[in-house]
Protein backbone atom coordinates (compact mmCIF):
# COMPACT_ATOMS: atom_id res chain seq x y z
CA UNK A 1 0.00 0.00 0.00
CA UNK A 2 1.39 3.38 -1.04
CA UNK A 3 1.43 6.30 1.36
CA UNK A 4 -1.99 7.89 1.71
CA UNK A 5 -2.37 10.84 -0.68
CA UNK A 6 -4.12 13.67 1.16
CA UNK A 7 -4.95 16.69 -0.98
CA UNK A 8 -6.91 18.73 1.60
CA UNK A 9 -7.87 18.56 5.25
CA UNK A 10 -9.44 20.77 7.90
CA UNK A 11 -11.38 20.25 11.13
CA UNK A 12 -14.51 18.98 9.37
CA UNK A 13 -13.35 17.21 6.21
CA UNK A 14 -10.47 15.41 4.56
CA UNK A 15 -10.01 14.83 0.83
CA UNK A 16 -7.84 11.96 -0.36
CA UNK A 17 -7.00 9.90 -3.44
CA UNK A 18 -8.29 6.32 -3.32
CA UNK A 19 -6.06 3.90 -5.20
CA UNK A 20 -7.58 1.23 -7.41
CA UNK A 21 -8.14 -2.13 -5.73
CA UNK A 22 -8.97 -0.81 -2.27
CA UNK A 23 -12.60 -0.83 -1.07
CA UNK A 24 -14.10 2.40 0.26
CA UNK A 25 -15.08 0.65 3.50
CA UNK A 26 -14.58 -2.77 5.09
CA UNK A 27 -16.20 -5.65 3.24
CA UNK A 28 -16.36 -9.42 3.47
CA UNK A 29 -12.87 -9.81 1.94
CA UNK A 30 -11.25 -8.32 5.03
CA UNK A 31 -8.87 -6.33 2.81
CA UNK A 32 -7.51 -2.97 3.92
CA UNK A 33 -10.07 -0.24 3.18
CA UNK A 34 -10.00 3.54 2.81
CA UNK A 35 -12.08 4.30 5.89
CA UNK A 36 -9.62 2.38 8.08
CA UNK A 37 -6.58 3.92 6.35
CA UNK A 38 -7.81 7.49 6.76
CA UNK A 39 -8.72 6.89 10.41
CA UNK A 40 -5.22 5.57 11.04
CA UNK A 41 -3.71 8.62 9.34
CA UNK A 42 -5.72 11.04 11.51
CA UNK A 43 -5.01 9.10 14.69
CA UNK A 44 -1.26 9.16 14.06
CA UNK A 45 -0.96 12.73 12.74
CA UNK A 46 -3.00 14.32 15.51
CA UNK A 47 -2.06 11.84 18.25
CA UNK A 48 -5.72 11.16 18.99
CA UNK A 49 -6.55 8.78 21.83
CA UNK A 50 -9.33 6.24 21.48
CA UNK A 51 -11.56 5.78 18.45
CA UNK A 52 -11.32 8.34 15.62
CA UNK A 53 -14.60 9.59 14.15
CA UNK A 54 -14.71 9.49 10.36
CA UNK A 55 -17.86 9.70 8.30
CA UNK A 56 -18.15 7.85 4.98
CA UNK A 57 -20.48 10.06 2.92
CA UNK A 58 -19.93 8.56 -0.54
CA UNK A 59 -18.15 5.59 -2.13
CA UNK A 60 -16.08 4.62 -5.11
CA UNK A 61 -16.14 1.10 -6.50
CA UNK A 62 -13.21 -1.03 -5.44
CA UNK A 63 -11.41 -0.86 -8.80
CA UNK A 64 -12.09 2.85 -9.35
CA UNK A 65 -9.33 5.29 -8.46
CA UNK A 66 -9.72 8.96 -7.58
CA UNK A 67 -10.94 11.69 -5.25
CA UNK A 68 -12.93 10.93 -2.09
CA UNK A 69 -13.99 13.20 0.77
CA UNK A 70 -14.60 11.95 4.31
CA UNK A 71 -16.21 13.88 7.16
CA UNK A 72 -14.16 14.40 10.30
CA UNK A 73 -17.13 15.45 12.47
CA UNK A 74 -20.75 14.39 12.80
CA UNK A 75 -21.82 17.88 11.67
CA UNK A 76 -19.64 17.54 8.60
CA UNK A 77 -21.07 14.10 7.85
CA UNK A 78 -24.65 15.32 8.19
CA UNK A 79 -24.18 18.33 5.94
CA UNK A 80 -22.21 16.53 3.25
CA UNK A 81 -24.83 13.76 3.20
CA UNK A 82 -27.54 16.40 2.86
CA UNK A 83 -25.64 17.98 -0.05
CA UNK A 84 -25.61 14.59 -1.80
CA UNK A 85 -29.35 14.15 -1.27
CA UNK A 86 -30.00 17.67 -2.62
CA UNK A 87 -27.82 17.21 -5.68
CA UNK A 88 -25.28 19.78 -4.49
CA UNK A 89 -22.41 17.30 -4.47
CA UNK A 90 -20.83 17.16 -7.93
CA UNK A 91 -18.59 14.32 -9.13
CA UNK A 92 -16.94 13.87 -12.50
CA UNK A 93 -14.90 10.99 -13.88
CA UNK A 94 -12.44 10.38 -16.67
CA UNK A 95 -12.57 7.04 -18.47
CA UNK A 96 -10.79 5.37 -21.36
CA UNK A 97 -13.32 3.54 -23.52
CA UNK A 98 -12.78 1.20 -26.44
CA UNK A 99 -13.20 2.55 -29.95
CA UNK A 100 -13.57 6.07 -31.26
CA UNK A 101 -16.12 8.57 -30.01
CA UNK A 102 -16.42 12.25 -30.89
CA UNK A 103 -18.13 15.26 -29.36
CA UNK A 104 -20.60 14.94 -26.51
CA UNK A 105 -23.44 12.64 -25.55
CA UNK A 106 -26.23 12.06 -23.06
CA UNK A 107 -27.09 8.55 -21.89
CA UNK A 108 -30.30 7.66 -20.12
CA UNK A 109 -31.21 4.08 -19.30
CA UNK A 110 -32.94 1.99 -16.68
CA UNK A 111 -30.56 -0.29 -14.79
CA UNK A 112 -31.22 -3.36 -12.70
CA UNK A 113 -28.72 -4.67 -10.16
CA UNK A 114 -28.45 -8.44 -9.78
CA UNK A 115 -27.36 -8.98 -6.18
CA UNK A 116 -26.35 -12.58 -6.86
CA UNK A 117 -23.76 -11.67 -9.48
CA UNK A 118 -23.01 -8.12 -8.33
CA UNK A 119 -23.63 -6.85 -11.86
CA UNK A 120 -26.03 -4.35 -13.38
CA UNK A 121 -27.70 -4.37 -16.76
CA UNK A 122 -29.83 -2.14 -18.97
CA UNK A 123 -33.47 -3.23 -18.73
CA UNK A 124 -36.92 -1.95 -19.70
CA UNK A 125 -38.37 0.76 -17.49
CA UNK A 126 -41.18 -1.61 -16.53
CA UNK A 127 -38.89 -4.21 -14.90
CA UNK A 128 -39.42 -4.38 -11.16
CA UNK A 129 -36.47 -2.85 -9.33
CA UNK A 130 -35.22 -0.90 -12.38
CA UNK A 131 -33.74 2.52 -11.62
CA UNK A 132 -33.16 5.49 -13.91
CA UNK A 133 -29.49 6.14 -14.75
CA UNK A 134 -28.40 9.37 -16.43
CA UNK A 135 -25.02 10.81 -17.42
CA UNK A 136 -23.37 13.20 -19.86
CA UNK A 137 -20.02 12.58 -21.49
CA UNK A 138 -17.56 14.78 -23.37
CA UNK A 139 -14.71 13.45 -25.49
CA UNK A 140 -11.40 14.94 -24.32
CA UNK A 141 -8.88 12.95 -26.31
CA UNK A 142 -7.84 9.74 -28.05
CA UNK A 143 -5.02 7.25 -27.67
CA UNK A 144 -3.71 4.09 -29.30
CA UNK A 145 -2.77 1.51 -26.68
CA UNK A 146 -1.56 -2.01 -27.46
CA UNK A 147 -2.63 -1.54 -31.09
CA UNK A 148 -6.21 -0.62 -30.21
CA UNK A 149 -7.94 2.74 -30.35
CA UNK A 150 -9.40 4.25 -27.20
CA UNK A 151 -11.25 7.46 -26.39
CA UNK A 152 -10.82 9.52 -23.23
CA UNK A 153 -14.20 10.75 -22.03
CA UNK A 154 -15.05 13.04 -19.15
CA UNK A 155 -18.27 11.95 -17.49
CA UNK A 156 -20.75 13.90 -15.39
CA UNK A 157 -23.12 11.73 -13.39
CA UNK A 158 -26.70 12.81 -12.73
CA UNK A 159 -27.49 9.63 -10.81
CA UNK A 160 -25.34 7.25 -8.81
CA UNK A 161 -26.32 3.73 -9.83
CA UNK A 162 -24.33 0.56 -9.30
CA UNK A 163 -21.59 0.27 -11.99
CA UNK A 164 -23.45 2.99 -13.89
CA UNK A 165 -20.64 4.35 -16.07
CA UNK A 166 -19.36 0.89 -16.90
CA UNK A 167 -22.78 -0.44 -17.88
CA UNK A 168 -23.97 2.59 -19.84
CA UNK A 169 -20.76 2.96 -21.87
CA UNK A 170 -20.71 -0.77 -22.62
CA UNK A 171 -24.34 -0.56 -23.70
CA UNK A 172 -23.42 1.85 -26.54
CA UNK A 173 -20.58 -0.42 -27.68
CA UNK A 174 -17.72 1.36 -25.89
CA UNK A 175 -16.77 -0.62 -22.77
CA UNK A 176 -14.06 0.72 -20.49
CA UNK A 177 -10.53 -0.55 -20.87
CA UNK A 178 -9.95 -3.20 -18.21
CA UNK A 179 -13.65 -3.84 -17.63
CA UNK A 180 -13.80 -7.54 -18.51
CA UNK A 181 -17.07 -7.90 -16.59
CA UNK A 182 -18.83 -5.65 -19.10
CA UNK A 183 -17.01 -6.59 -22.30
CA UNK A 184 -13.75 -4.66 -22.06
CA UNK A 185 -10.17 -5.74 -22.70
CA UNK A 186 -8.27 -7.22 -19.77
CA UNK A 187 -6.22 -4.69 -17.78
CA UNK A 188 -6.49 -2.19 -14.92
CA UNK A 189 -9.92 -0.54 -14.99
CA UNK A 190 -9.61 2.84 -16.71
CA UNK A 191 -11.98 4.84 -14.52
CA UNK A 192 -10.78 7.76 -12.40
CA UNK A 193 -12.84 10.10 -10.19
CA UNK A 194 -11.16 13.32 -11.32
CA UNK A 195 -13.33 16.12 -9.95
CA UNK A 196 -15.24 16.78 -6.75
CA UNK A 197 -17.20 19.92 -5.90
CA UNK A 198 -19.26 20.65 -2.79
CA UNK A 199 -20.08 23.42 -0.33
CA UNK A 200 -17.93 23.31 2.78
CA UNK A 201 -19.94 21.72 5.62
CA UNK A 202 -19.52 24.66 8.02
CA UNK A 203 -18.78 27.61 5.71
CA UNK A 204 -20.25 28.96 2.47
CA UNK A 205 -17.02 28.27 0.57
CA UNK A 206 -17.28 26.19 -2.59
CA UNK A 207 -14.68 23.45 -2.39
CA UNK A 208 -13.45 22.12 -5.72
CA UNK A 209 -10.75 19.53 -6.36
CA UNK A 210 -9.43 18.34 -9.70
CA UNK A 211 -6.86 15.57 -10.19
CA UNK A 212 -5.93 13.60 -13.29
CA UNK A 213 -4.51 10.07 -13.42
CA UNK A 214 -0.78 9.57 -13.81
CA UNK A 215 0.16 9.25 -17.47
CA UNK A 216 1.13 5.58 -17.36
CA UNK A 217 -0.41 2.57 -19.09
CA UNK A 218 -3.71 3.40 -20.80
CA UNK A 219 -3.34 6.96 -19.48
CA UNK A 220 -0.03 7.56 -21.30
CA UNK A 221 -1.54 10.29 -23.52
CA UNK A 222 -3.81 11.85 -20.90
CA UNK A 223 -1.55 14.92 -20.57
CA UNK A 224 -2.56 15.86 -24.09
CA UNK A 225 -6.27 15.70 -23.32
CA UNK A 226 -8.43 18.78 -22.97
CA UNK A 227 -8.89 19.28 -19.23
CA UNK A 228 -11.63 21.88 -19.30
C-alpha atoms as a PDB file:
ATOM      1  CA  UNK A   1       0.000   0.000   0.000  1.00  0.00           C
ATOM      2  CA  UNK A   2       1.394   3.377  -1.040  1.00  0.00           C
ATOM      3  CA  UNK A   3       1.434   6.300   1.359  1.00  0.00           C
ATOM      4  CA  UNK A   4      -1.989   7.893   1.706  1.00  0.00           C
ATOM      5  CA  UNK A   5      -2.374  10.835  -0.681  1.00  0.00           C
ATOM      6  CA  UNK A   6      -4.119  13.667   1.160  1.00  0.00           C
ATOM      7  CA  UNK A   7      -4.952  16.694  -0.981  1.00  0.00           C
ATOM      8  CA  UNK A   8      -6.907  18.728   1.601  1.00  0.00           C
ATOM      9  CA  UNK A   9      -7.866  18.562   5.251  1.00  0.00           C
ATOM     10  CA  UNK A  10      -9.443  20.770   7.899  1.00  0.00           C
ATOM     11  CA  UNK A  11     -11.379  20.251  11.132  1.00  0.00           C
ATOM     12  CA  UNK A  12     -14.512  18.980   9.373  1.00  0.00           C
ATOM     13  CA  UNK A  13     -13.354  17.209   6.214  1.00  0.00           C
ATOM     14  CA  UNK A  14     -10.470  15.407   4.562  1.00  0.00           C
ATOM     15  CA  UNK A  15     -10.014  14.825   0.832  1.00  0.00           C
ATOM     16  CA  UNK A  16      -7.839  11.959  -0.363  1.00  0.00           C
ATOM     17  CA  UNK A  17      -6.999   9.900  -3.442  1.00  0.00           C
ATOM     18  CA  UNK A  18      -8.289   6.325  -3.317  1.00  0.00           C
ATOM     19  CA  UNK A  19      -6.056   3.899  -5.203  1.00  0.00           C
ATOM     20  CA  UNK A  20      -7.585   1.229  -7.407  1.00  0.00           C
ATOM     21  CA  UNK A  21      -8.135  -2.130  -5.732  1.00  0.00           C
ATOM     22  CA  UNK A  22      -8.971  -0.811  -2.273  1.00  0.00           C
ATOM     23  CA  UNK A  23     -12.597  -0.825  -1.067  1.00  0.00           C
ATOM     24  CA  UNK A  24     -14.096   2.399   0.264  1.00  0.00           C
ATOM     25  CA  UNK A  25     -15.076   0.652   3.499  1.00  0.00           C
ATOM     26  CA  UNK A  26     -14.577  -2.767   5.087  1.00  0.00           C
ATOM     27  CA  UNK A  27     -16.198  -5.652   3.236  1.00  0.00           C
ATOM     28  CA  UNK A  28     -16.356  -9.422   3.472  1.00  0.00           C
ATOM     29  CA  UNK A  29     -12.874  -9.808   1.944  1.00  0.00           C
ATOM     30  CA  UNK A  30     -11.250  -8.320   5.028  1.00  0.00           C
ATOM     31  CA  UNK A  31      -8.871  -6.333   2.809  1.00  0.00           C
ATOM     32  CA  UNK A  32      -7.515  -2.966   3.916  1.00  0.00           C
ATOM     33  CA  UNK A  33     -10.072  -0.242   3.183  1.00  0.00           C
ATOM     34  CA  UNK A  34     -10.002   3.538   2.811  1.00  0.00           C
ATOM     35  CA  UNK A  35     -12.084   4.299   5.895  1.00  0.00           C
ATOM     36  CA  UNK A  36      -9.617   2.384   8.076  1.00  0.00           C
ATOM     37  CA  UNK A  37      -6.581   3.920   6.354  1.00  0.00           C
ATOM     38  CA  UNK A  38      -7.806   7.494   6.759  1.00  0.00           C
ATOM     39  CA  UNK A  39      -8.721   6.889  10.409  1.00  0.00           C
ATOM     40  CA  UNK A  40      -5.220   5.566  11.040  1.00  0.00           C
ATOM     41  CA  UNK A  41      -3.707   8.616   9.336  1.00  0.00           C
ATOM     42  CA  UNK A  42      -5.718  11.038  11.506  1.00  0.00           C
ATOM     43  CA  UNK A  43      -5.005   9.099  14.690  1.00  0.00           C
ATOM     44  CA  UNK A  44      -1.257   9.160  14.061  1.00  0.00           C
ATOM     45  CA  UNK A  45      -0.961  12.727  12.744  1.00  0.00           C
ATOM     46  CA  UNK A  46      -2.999  14.324  15.512  1.00  0.00           C
ATOM     47  CA  UNK A  47      -2.065  11.844  18.255  1.00  0.00           C
ATOM     48  CA  UNK A  48      -5.718  11.161  18.985  1.00  0.00           C
ATOM     49  CA  UNK A  49      -6.550   8.781  21.833  1.00  0.00           C
ATOM     50  CA  UNK A  50      -9.330   6.243  21.481  1.00  0.00           C
ATOM     51  CA  UNK A  51     -11.555   5.780  18.448  1.00  0.00           C
ATOM     52  CA  UNK A  52     -11.321   8.341  15.621  1.00  0.00           C
ATOM     53  CA  UNK A  53     -14.604   9.586  14.149  1.00  0.00           C
ATOM     54  CA  UNK A  54     -14.711   9.487  10.356  1.00  0.00           C
ATOM     55  CA  UNK A  55     -17.864   9.703   8.299  1.00  0.00           C
ATOM     56  CA  UNK A  56     -18.152   7.846   4.984  1.00  0.00           C
ATOM     57  CA  UNK A  57     -20.480  10.061   2.920  1.00  0.00           C
ATOM     58  CA  UNK A  58     -19.932   8.561  -0.544  1.00  0.00           C
ATOM     59  CA  UNK A  59     -18.152   5.592  -2.125  1.00  0.00           C
ATOM     60  CA  UNK A  60     -16.075   4.623  -5.108  1.00  0.00           C
ATOM     61  CA  UNK A  61     -16.145   1.105  -6.501  1.00  0.00           C
ATOM     62  CA  UNK A  62     -13.210  -1.032  -5.440  1.00  0.00           C
ATOM     63  CA  UNK A  63     -11.407  -0.863  -8.804  1.00  0.00           C
ATOM     64  CA  UNK A  64     -12.090   2.852  -9.349  1.00  0.00           C
ATOM     65  CA  UNK A  65      -9.333   5.288  -8.457  1.00  0.00           C
ATOM     66  CA  UNK A  66      -9.722   8.964  -7.583  1.00  0.00           C
ATOM     67  CA  UNK A  67     -10.940  11.685  -5.253  1.00  0.00           C
ATOM     68  CA  UNK A  68     -12.927  10.932  -2.094  1.00  0.00           C
ATOM     69  CA  UNK A  69     -13.993  13.198   0.771  1.00  0.00           C
ATOM     70  CA  UNK A  70     -14.598  11.951   4.311  1.00  0.00           C
ATOM     71  CA  UNK A  71     -16.214  13.876   7.159  1.00  0.00           C
ATOM     72  CA  UNK A  72     -14.162  14.402  10.304  1.00  0.00           C
ATOM     73  CA  UNK A  73     -17.126  15.448  12.466  1.00  0.00           C
ATOM     74  CA  UNK A  74     -20.750  14.391  12.800  1.00  0.00           C
ATOM     75  CA  UNK A  75     -21.818  17.882  11.671  1.00  0.00           C
ATOM     76  CA  UNK A  76     -19.638  17.538   8.600  1.00  0.00           C
ATOM     77  CA  UNK A  77     -21.074  14.097   7.854  1.00  0.00           C
ATOM     78  CA  UNK A  78     -24.648  15.317   8.189  1.00  0.00           C
ATOM     79  CA  UNK A  79     -24.183  18.334   5.938  1.00  0.00           C
ATOM     80  CA  UNK A  80     -22.207  16.527   3.254  1.00  0.00           C
ATOM     81  CA  UNK A  81     -24.829  13.761   3.195  1.00  0.00           C
ATOM     82  CA  UNK A  82     -27.537  16.404   2.862  1.00  0.00           C
ATOM     83  CA  UNK A  83     -25.642  17.977  -0.049  1.00  0.00           C
ATOM     84  CA  UNK A  84     -25.606  14.595  -1.795  1.00  0.00           C
ATOM     85  CA  UNK A  85     -29.352  14.145  -1.270  1.00  0.00           C
ATOM     86  CA  UNK A  86     -30.003  17.667  -2.616  1.00  0.00           C
ATOM     87  CA  UNK A  87     -27.825  17.215  -5.684  1.00  0.00           C
ATOM     88  CA  UNK A  88     -25.280  19.782  -4.492  1.00  0.00           C
ATOM     89  CA  UNK A  89     -22.405  17.305  -4.471  1.00  0.00           C
ATOM     90  CA  UNK A  90     -20.832  17.158  -7.935  1.00  0.00           C
ATOM     91  CA  UNK A  91     -18.590  14.321  -9.127  1.00  0.00           C
ATOM     92  CA  UNK A  92     -16.940  13.868 -12.498  1.00  0.00           C
ATOM     93  CA  UNK A  93     -14.905  10.987 -13.876  1.00  0.00           C
ATOM     94  CA  UNK A  94     -12.437  10.384 -16.673  1.00  0.00           C
ATOM     95  CA  UNK A  95     -12.567   7.044 -18.466  1.00  0.00           C
ATOM     96  CA  UNK A  96     -10.793   5.369 -21.364  1.00  0.00           C
ATOM     97  CA  UNK A  97     -13.325   3.537 -23.517  1.00  0.00           C
ATOM     98  CA  UNK A  98     -12.777   1.198 -26.435  1.00  0.00           C
ATOM     99  CA  UNK A  99     -13.198   2.547 -29.952  1.00  0.00           C
ATOM    100  CA  UNK A 100     -13.571   6.071 -31.256  1.00  0.00           C
ATOM    101  CA  UNK A 101     -16.122   8.568 -30.008  1.00  0.00           C
ATOM    102  CA  UNK A 102     -16.415  12.248 -30.888  1.00  0.00           C
ATOM    103  CA  UNK A 103     -18.133  15.256 -29.360  1.00  0.00           C
ATOM    104  CA  UNK A 104     -20.602  14.939 -26.509  1.00  0.00           C
ATOM    105  CA  UNK A 105     -23.439  12.639 -25.549  1.00  0.00           C
ATOM    106  CA  UNK A 106     -26.232  12.062 -23.062  1.00  0.00           C
ATOM    107  CA  UNK A 107     -27.086   8.551 -21.895  1.00  0.00           C
ATOM    108  CA  UNK A 108     -30.299   7.665 -20.122  1.00  0.00           C
ATOM    109  CA  UNK A 109     -31.210   4.076 -19.302  1.00  0.00           C
ATOM    110  CA  UNK A 110     -32.939   1.986 -16.685  1.00  0.00           C
ATOM    111  CA  UNK A 111     -30.560  -0.290 -14.789  1.00  0.00           C
ATOM    112  CA  UNK A 112     -31.223  -3.360 -12.705  1.00  0.00           C
ATOM    113  CA  UNK A 113     -28.719  -4.673 -10.162  1.00  0.00           C
ATOM    114  CA  UNK A 114     -28.450  -8.439  -9.781  1.00  0.00           C
ATOM    115  CA  UNK A 115     -27.364  -8.977  -6.185  1.00  0.00           C
ATOM    116  CA  UNK A 116     -26.355 -12.585  -6.864  1.00  0.00           C
ATOM    117  CA  UNK A 117     -23.757 -11.674  -9.480  1.00  0.00           C
ATOM    118  CA  UNK A 118     -23.006  -8.119  -8.332  1.00  0.00           C
ATOM    119  CA  UNK A 119     -23.632  -6.850 -11.859  1.00  0.00           C
ATOM    120  CA  UNK A 120     -26.025  -4.350 -13.383  1.00  0.00           C
ATOM    121  CA  UNK A 121     -27.702  -4.371 -16.759  1.00  0.00           C
ATOM    122  CA  UNK A 122     -29.829  -2.141 -18.974  1.00  0.00           C
ATOM    123  CA  UNK A 123     -33.472  -3.230 -18.726  1.00  0.00           C
ATOM    124  CA  UNK A 124     -36.919  -1.949 -19.701  1.00  0.00           C
ATOM    125  CA  UNK A 125     -38.368   0.761 -17.493  1.00  0.00           C
ATOM    126  CA  UNK A 126     -41.177  -1.608 -16.529  1.00  0.00           C
ATOM    127  CA  UNK A 127     -38.888  -4.207 -14.903  1.00  0.00           C
ATOM    128  CA  UNK A 128     -39.421  -4.377 -11.157  1.00  0.00           C
ATOM    129  CA  UNK A 129     -36.469  -2.847  -9.334  1.00  0.00           C
ATOM    130  CA  UNK A 130     -35.222  -0.899 -12.377  1.00  0.00           C
ATOM    131  CA  UNK A 131     -33.741   2.523 -11.616  1.00  0.00           C
ATOM    132  CA  UNK A 132     -33.156   5.491 -13.914  1.00  0.00           C
ATOM    133  CA  UNK A 133     -29.486   6.145 -14.746  1.00  0.00           C
ATOM    134  CA  UNK A 134     -28.404   9.375 -16.426  1.00  0.00           C
ATOM    135  CA  UNK A 135     -25.023  10.808 -17.423  1.00  0.00           C
ATOM    136  CA  UNK A 136     -23.370  13.200 -19.864  1.00  0.00           C
ATOM    137  CA  UNK A 137     -20.021  12.582 -21.493  1.00  0.00           C
ATOM    138  CA  UNK A 138     -17.561  14.780 -23.365  1.00  0.00           C
ATOM    139  CA  UNK A 139     -14.709  13.447 -25.487  1.00  0.00           C
ATOM    140  CA  UNK A 140     -11.401  14.943 -24.316  1.00  0.00           C
ATOM    141  CA  UNK A 141      -8.875  12.951 -26.310  1.00  0.00           C
ATOM    142  CA  UNK A 142      -7.844   9.744 -28.045  1.00  0.00           C
ATOM    143  CA  UNK A 143      -5.020   7.249 -27.668  1.00  0.00           C
ATOM    144  CA  UNK A 144      -3.714   4.086 -29.295  1.00  0.00           C
ATOM    145  CA  UNK A 145      -2.770   1.507 -26.681  1.00  0.00           C
ATOM    146  CA  UNK A 146      -1.560  -2.012 -27.457  1.00  0.00           C
ATOM    147  CA  UNK A 147      -2.632  -1.540 -31.090  1.00  0.00           C
ATOM    148  CA  UNK A 148      -6.209  -0.622 -30.213  1.00  0.00           C
ATOM    149  CA  UNK A 149      -7.935   2.741 -30.352  1.00  0.00           C
ATOM    150  CA  UNK A 150      -9.398   4.251 -27.196  1.00  0.00           C
ATOM    151  CA  UNK A 151     -11.249   7.459 -26.393  1.00  0.00           C
ATOM    152  CA  UNK A 152     -10.818   9.516 -23.233  1.00  0.00           C
ATOM    153  CA  UNK A 153     -14.202  10.747 -22.028  1.00  0.00           C
ATOM    154  CA  UNK A 154     -15.052  13.040 -19.150  1.00  0.00           C
ATOM    155  CA  UNK A 155     -18.275  11.954 -17.488  1.00  0.00           C
ATOM    156  CA  UNK A 156     -20.750  13.902 -15.386  1.00  0.00           C
ATOM    157  CA  UNK A 157     -23.125  11.733 -13.388  1.00  0.00           C
ATOM    158  CA  UNK A 158     -26.701  12.815 -12.725  1.00  0.00           C
ATOM    159  CA  UNK A 159     -27.494   9.631 -10.807  1.00  0.00           C
ATOM    160  CA  UNK A 160     -25.336   7.246  -8.808  1.00  0.00           C
ATOM    161  CA  UNK A 161     -26.321   3.734  -9.829  1.00  0.00           C
ATOM    162  CA  UNK A 162     -24.327   0.558  -9.299  1.00  0.00           C
ATOM    163  CA  UNK A 163     -21.588   0.268 -11.993  1.00  0.00           C
ATOM    164  CA  UNK A 164     -23.453   2.989 -13.890  1.00  0.00           C
ATOM    165  CA  UNK A 165     -20.639   4.354 -16.066  1.00  0.00           C
ATOM    166  CA  UNK A 166     -19.359   0.894 -16.897  1.00  0.00           C
ATOM    167  CA  UNK A 167     -22.778  -0.440 -17.880  1.00  0.00           C
ATOM    168  CA  UNK A 168     -23.966   2.585 -19.841  1.00  0.00           C
ATOM    169  CA  UNK A 169     -20.761   2.958 -21.874  1.00  0.00           C
ATOM    170  CA  UNK A 170     -20.707  -0.770 -22.617  1.00  0.00           C
ATOM    171  CA  UNK A 171     -24.342  -0.559 -23.695  1.00  0.00           C
ATOM    172  CA  UNK A 172     -23.417   1.849 -26.540  1.00  0.00           C
ATOM    173  CA  UNK A 173     -20.577  -0.419 -27.675  1.00  0.00           C
ATOM    174  CA  UNK A 174     -17.719   1.361 -25.891  1.00  0.00           C
ATOM    175  CA  UNK A 175     -16.772  -0.621 -22.773  1.00  0.00           C
ATOM    176  CA  UNK A 176     -14.056   0.723 -20.493  1.00  0.00           C
ATOM    177  CA  UNK A 177     -10.534  -0.551 -20.874  1.00  0.00           C
ATOM    178  CA  UNK A 178      -9.950  -3.198 -18.209  1.00  0.00           C
ATOM    179  CA  UNK A 179     -13.647  -3.838 -17.634  1.00  0.00           C
ATOM    180  CA  UNK A 180     -13.802  -7.542 -18.510  1.00  0.00           C
ATOM    181  CA  UNK A 181     -17.069  -7.896 -16.591  1.00  0.00           C
ATOM    182  CA  UNK A 182     -18.827  -5.645 -19.100  1.00  0.00           C
ATOM    183  CA  UNK A 183     -17.007  -6.593 -22.299  1.00  0.00           C
ATOM    184  CA  UNK A 184     -13.749  -4.658 -22.056  1.00  0.00           C
ATOM    185  CA  UNK A 185     -10.165  -5.736 -22.704  1.00  0.00           C
ATOM    186  CA  UNK A 186      -8.268  -7.223 -19.766  1.00  0.00           C
ATOM    187  CA  UNK A 187      -6.224  -4.694 -17.781  1.00  0.00           C
ATOM    188  CA  UNK A 188      -6.490  -2.190 -14.925  1.00  0.00           C
ATOM    189  CA  UNK A 189      -9.924  -0.543 -14.990  1.00  0.00           C
ATOM    190  CA  UNK A 190      -9.608   2.845 -16.714  1.00  0.00           C
ATOM    191  CA  UNK A 191     -11.984   4.839 -14.519  1.00  0.00           C
ATOM    192  CA  UNK A 192     -10.777   7.756 -12.402  1.00  0.00           C
ATOM    193  CA  UNK A 193     -12.837  10.104 -10.193  1.00  0.00           C
ATOM    194  CA  UNK A 194     -11.160  13.315 -11.324  1.00  0.00           C
ATOM    195  CA  UNK A 195     -13.326  16.116  -9.953  1.00  0.00           C
ATOM    196  CA  UNK A 196     -15.241  16.777  -6.754  1.00  0.00           C
ATOM    197  CA  UNK A 197     -17.195  19.922  -5.903  1.00  0.00           C
ATOM    198  CA  UNK A 198     -19.256  20.652  -2.794  1.00  0.00           C
ATOM    199  CA  UNK A 199     -20.079  23.419  -0.332  1.00  0.00           C
ATOM    200  CA  UNK A 200     -17.925  23.311   2.783  1.00  0.00           C
ATOM    201  CA  UNK A 201     -19.944  21.722   5.616  1.00  0.00           C
ATOM    202  CA  UNK A 202     -19.515  24.664   8.021  1.00  0.00           C
ATOM    203  CA  UNK A 203     -18.777  27.613   5.712  1.00  0.00           C
ATOM    204  CA  UNK A 204     -20.246  28.961   2.473  1.00  0.00           C
ATOM    205  CA  UNK A 205     -17.021  28.269   0.574  1.00  0.00           C
ATOM    206  CA  UNK A 206     -17.275  26.193  -2.588  1.00  0.00           C
ATOM    207  CA  UNK A 207     -14.678  23.446  -2.390  1.00  0.00           C
ATOM    208  CA  UNK A 208     -13.454  22.117  -5.721  1.00  0.00           C
ATOM    209  CA  UNK A 209     -10.747  19.534  -6.358  1.00  0.00           C
ATOM    210  CA  UNK A 210      -9.432  18.342  -9.704  1.00  0.00           C
ATOM    211  CA  UNK A 211      -6.856  15.571 -10.190  1.00  0.00           C
ATOM    212  CA  UNK A 212      -5.930  13.604 -13.290  1.00  0.00           C
ATOM    213  CA  UNK A 213      -4.507  10.065 -13.420  1.00  0.00           C
ATOM    214  CA  UNK A 214      -0.777   9.570 -13.806  1.00  0.00           C
ATOM    215  CA  UNK A 215       0.163   9.251 -17.466  1.00  0.00           C
ATOM    216  CA  UNK A 216       1.134   5.582 -17.363  1.00  0.00           C
ATOM    217  CA  UNK A 217      -0.410   2.574 -19.093  1.00  0.00           C
ATOM    218  CA  UNK A 218      -3.710   3.403 -20.796  1.00  0.00           C
ATOM    219  CA  UNK A 219      -3.340   6.961 -19.477  1.00  0.00           C
ATOM    220  CA  UNK A 220      -0.030   7.561 -21.300  1.00  0.00           C
ATOM    221  CA  UNK A 221      -1.540  10.293 -23.525  1.00  0.00           C
ATOM    222  CA  UNK A 222      -3.813  11.854 -20.903  1.00  0.00           C
ATOM    223  CA  UNK A 223      -1.549  14.917 -20.572  1.00  0.00           C
ATOM    224  CA  UNK A 224      -2.559  15.858 -24.091  1.00  0.00           C
ATOM    225  CA  UNK A 225      -6.274  15.698 -23.316  1.00  0.00           C
ATOM    226  CA  UNK A 226      -8.435  18.780 -22.967  1.00  0.00           C
ATOM    227  CA  UNK A 227      -8.895  19.278 -19.227  1.00  0.00           C
ATOM    228  CA  UNK A 228     -11.630  21.882 -19.301  1.00  0.00           C
END
